[in-house]
Amino acid sequence: MRAYAFVTSALAALTARVRGEDPERGDVPGWVMITVMTAALVLAILIPFRAAILDAVTAALASVTNAP
């Protein structure tokens, strides 16, 4: 009896998914939006300040590696 109930509910869920009745189907997950927005922010900061960032990183690395 349990197996019949399990198979029936699994088939019902599969049928609903195939028909497109799943309310979450087609939605972009939140973590995808956060990842894309973070990448966009990094590019928005990196592009205009690239030279300044490279100079700062280079100076920081030089001060660490050339320490007396």
N, C-alpha and C. Protein backbone atom coordinates (compact mmCIF):
# COMPACT_ATOMS: atom_id res chain seq x y z
N MET A 1 0.81 -1.20 0.00
CA MET A 1 0.00 0.00 0.00
C MET A 1 0.87 1.27 0.00
N ARG A 2 1.97 1.24 0.77
CA ARG A 2 2.86 2.40 0.82
C ARG A 2 3.53 2.62 -0.53
N ALA A 3 3.92 1.55 -1.17
CA ALA A 3 4.57 1.67 -2.47
C ALA A 3 3.62 2.29 -3.49
N TYR A 4 2.36 1.90 -3.44
CA TYR A 4 1.37 2.47 -4.36
C TYR A 4 1.21 3.96 -4.12
N ALA A 5 1.16 4.37 -2.84
CA ALA A 5 1.02 5.79 -2.52
C ALA A 5 2.26 6.56 -2.97
N PHE A 6 3.42 5.97 -2.79
CA PHE A 6 4.66 6.64 -3.21
C PHE A 6 4.71 6.81 -4.72
N VAL A 7 4.38 5.75 -5.44
CA VAL A 7 4.41 5.81 -6.90
C VAL A 7 3.38 6.80 -7.41
N THR A 8 2.20 6.81 -6.79
CA THR A 8 1.15 7.74 -7.20
C THR A 8 1.58 9.19 -6.98
N SER A 9 2.16 9.48 -5.82
CA SER A 9 2.59 10.86 -5.55
C SER A 9 3.77 11.25 -6.44
N ALA A 10 4.68 10.32 -6.72
CA ALA A 10 5.80 10.62 -7.60
C ALA A 10 5.32 10.91 -9.02
N LEU A 11 4.36 10.13 -9.49
CA LEU A 11 3.82 10.37 -10.83
C LEU A 11 3.06 11.70 -10.90
N ALA A 12 2.36 12.03 -9.84
CA ALA A 12 1.64 13.31 -9.80
C ALA A 12 2.62 14.48 -9.84
N ALA A 13 3.71 14.36 -9.09
CA ALA A 13 4.72 15.43 -9.09
C ALA A 13 5.39 15.55 -10.45
N LEU A 14 5.70 14.42 -11.06
CA LEU A 14 6.32 14.43 -12.38
C LEU A 14 5.39 15.03 -13.43
N THR A 15 4.11 14.68 -13.35
CA THR A 15 3.13 15.22 -14.29
C THR A 15 2.99 16.72 -14.13
N ALA A 16 2.97 17.20 -12.89
CA ALA A 16 2.86 18.64 -12.64
C ALA A 16 4.08 19.37 -13.18
N ARG A 17 5.26 18.76 -13.03
CA ARG A 17 6.49 19.41 -13.52
C ARG A 17 6.50 19.46 -15.04
N VAL A 18 6.07 18.41 -15.68
CA VAL A 18 6.06 18.37 -17.14
C VAL A 18 5.05 19.37 -17.70
N ARG A 19 3.94 19.49 -17.04
CA ARG A 19 2.91 20.44 -17.50
C ARG A 19 3.29 21.89 -17.23
N GLY A 20 4.28 22.12 -16.39
CA GLY A 20 4.69 23.49 -16.09
C GLY A 20 3.91 24.11 -14.95
N GLU A 21 3.33 23.30 -14.09
CA GLU A 21 2.55 23.82 -12.97
C GLU A 21 3.41 24.11 -11.75
N ASP A 22 4.70 23.87 -11.85
CA ASP A 22 5.61 24.13 -10.74
C ASP A 22 5.81 25.64 -10.64
N PRO A 23 5.49 26.26 -9.49
CA PRO A 23 5.59 27.72 -9.39
C PRO A 23 7.03 28.23 -9.43
N GLU A 24 8.01 27.39 -9.14
CA GLU A 24 9.39 27.84 -9.16
C GLU A 24 10.09 27.56 -10.48
N ARG A 25 9.43 26.93 -11.39
CA ARG A 25 10.06 26.60 -12.66
C ARG A 25 10.26 27.86 -13.49
N GLY A 26 11.45 28.04 -14.01
CA GLY A 26 11.75 29.19 -14.83
C GLY A 26 12.24 30.40 -14.07
N ASP A 27 12.19 30.37 -12.75
CA ASP A 27 12.70 31.48 -11.96
C ASP A 27 14.22 31.43 -11.90
N VAL A 28 14.82 32.59 -11.86
CA VAL A 28 16.26 32.66 -11.65
C VAL A 28 16.49 32.60 -10.14
N PRO A 29 17.29 31.64 -9.68
CA PRO A 29 17.54 31.57 -8.24
C PRO A 29 18.24 32.82 -7.73
N GLY A 30 18.03 33.12 -6.48
CA GLY A 30 18.61 34.32 -5.89
C GLY A 30 20.12 34.31 -5.91
N TRP A 31 20.74 33.14 -5.74
CA TRP A 31 22.20 33.11 -5.70
C TRP A 31 22.79 33.43 -7.07
N VAL A 32 22.06 33.14 -8.14
CA VAL A 32 22.55 33.49 -9.47
C VAL A 32 22.55 35.00 -9.64
N MET A 33 21.46 35.64 -9.21
CA MET A 33 21.38 37.10 -9.31
C MET A 33 22.46 37.76 -8.47
N ILE A 34 22.71 37.25 -7.27
CA ILE A 34 23.73 37.84 -6.40
C ILE A 34 25.11 37.68 -7.03
N THR A 35 25.38 36.53 -7.63
CA THR A 35 26.67 36.30 -8.27
C THR A 35 26.88 37.24 -9.45
N VAL A 36 25.86 37.39 -10.27
CA VAL A 36 25.97 38.27 -11.44
C VAL A 36 26.12 39.73 -11.01
N MET A 37 25.36 40.13 -10.01
CA MET A 37 25.45 41.52 -9.54
C MET A 37 26.81 41.79 -8.91
N THR A 38 27.36 40.83 -8.18
CA THR A 38 28.69 41.00 -7.59
C THR A 38 29.75 41.14 -8.68
N ALA A 39 29.66 40.31 -9.71
CA ALA A 39 30.61 40.41 -10.82
C ALA A 39 30.50 41.77 -11.50
N ALA A 40 29.28 42.26 -11.66
CA ALA A 40 29.08 43.57 -12.28
C ALA A 40 29.68 44.68 -11.41
N LEU A 41 29.52 44.58 -10.10
CA LEU A 41 30.11 45.59 -9.22
C LEU A 41 31.64 45.55 -9.25
N VAL A 42 32.21 44.36 -9.29
CA VAL A 42 33.66 44.25 -9.37
C VAL A 42 34.17 44.88 -10.66
N LEU A 43 33.51 44.60 -11.77
CA LEU A 43 33.92 45.21 -13.03
C LEU A 43 33.73 46.72 -13.02
N ALA A 44 32.64 47.19 -12.41
CA ALA A 44 32.39 48.63 -12.35
C ALA A 44 33.46 49.35 -11.53
N ILE A 45 34.00 48.67 -10.53
CA ILE A 45 35.07 49.28 -9.72
C ILE A 45 36.43 49.10 -10.40
N LEU A 46 36.65 47.94 -10.99
CA LEU A 46 37.96 47.62 -11.54
C LEU A 46 38.30 48.42 -12.78
N ILE A 47 37.33 48.62 -13.65
CA ILE A 47 37.62 49.28 -14.94
C ILE A 47 38.15 50.71 -14.76
N PRO A 48 37.47 51.58 -14.03
CA PRO A 48 38.02 52.95 -13.94
C PRO A 48 39.23 53.09 -13.02
N PHE A 49 39.39 52.18 -12.05
CA PHE A 49 40.47 52.32 -11.08
C PHE A 49 41.55 51.25 -11.24
N ARG A 50 41.66 50.66 -12.42
CA ARG A 50 42.60 49.56 -12.65
C ARG A 50 44.04 49.96 -12.36
N ALA A 51 44.45 51.09 -12.86
CA ALA A 51 45.83 51.53 -12.68
C ALA A 51 46.14 51.77 -11.20
N ALA A 52 45.22 52.40 -10.50
CA ALA A 52 45.44 52.68 -9.08
C ALA A 52 45.48 51.39 -8.27
N ILE A 53 44.65 50.45 -8.61
CA ILE A 53 44.63 49.17 -7.89
C ILE A 53 45.93 48.41 -8.14
N LEU A 54 46.38 48.37 -9.40
CA LEU A 54 47.64 47.69 -9.72
C LEU A 54 48.82 48.35 -9.02
N ASP A 55 48.85 49.68 -8.97
CA ASP A 55 49.94 50.38 -8.28
C ASP A 55 49.93 50.06 -6.79
N ALA A 56 48.75 50.04 -6.19
CA ALA A 56 48.65 49.76 -4.76
C ALA A 56 49.07 48.33 -4.44
N VAL A 57 48.64 47.37 -5.25
CA VAL A 57 49.02 45.97 -5.02
C VAL A 57 50.51 45.78 -5.23
N THR A 58 51.05 46.39 -6.28
CA THR A 58 52.47 46.27 -6.57
C THR A 58 53.30 46.87 -5.44
N ALA A 59 52.90 48.03 -4.94
CA ALA A 59 53.62 48.66 -3.83
C ALA A 59 53.54 47.82 -2.55
N ALA A 60 52.36 47.25 -2.30
CA ALA A 60 52.20 46.41 -1.11
C ALA A 60 53.07 45.16 -1.18
N LEU A 61 53.09 44.51 -2.35
CA LEU A 61 53.92 43.32 -2.52
C LEU A 61 55.41 43.66 -2.45
N ALA A 62 55.78 44.80 -3.03
CA ALA A 62 57.18 45.20 -2.98
C ALA A 62 57.62 45.50 -1.56
N SER A 63 56.76 46.11 -0.76
CA SER A 63 57.13 46.42 0.63
C SER A 63 57.27 45.16 1.47
N VAL A 64 56.53 44.12 1.12
CA VAL A 64 56.62 42.86 1.87
C VAL A 64 57.84 42.06 1.44
N THR A 65 58.07 41.99 0.15
CA THR A 65 59.18 41.16 -0.35
C THR A 65 60.52 41.84 -0.20
N ASN A 66 60.59 43.16 -0.17
CA ASN A 66 61.86 43.88 -0.05
C ASN A 66 62.09 44.40 1.37
N ALA A 67 61.48 43.77 2.33
CA ALA A 67 61.64 44.21 3.71
C ALA A 67 63.07 43.94 4.17
N PRO A 68 63.63 44.88 4.96
CA PRO A 68 65.03 44.71 5.41
C PRO A 68 65.20 43.62 6.43
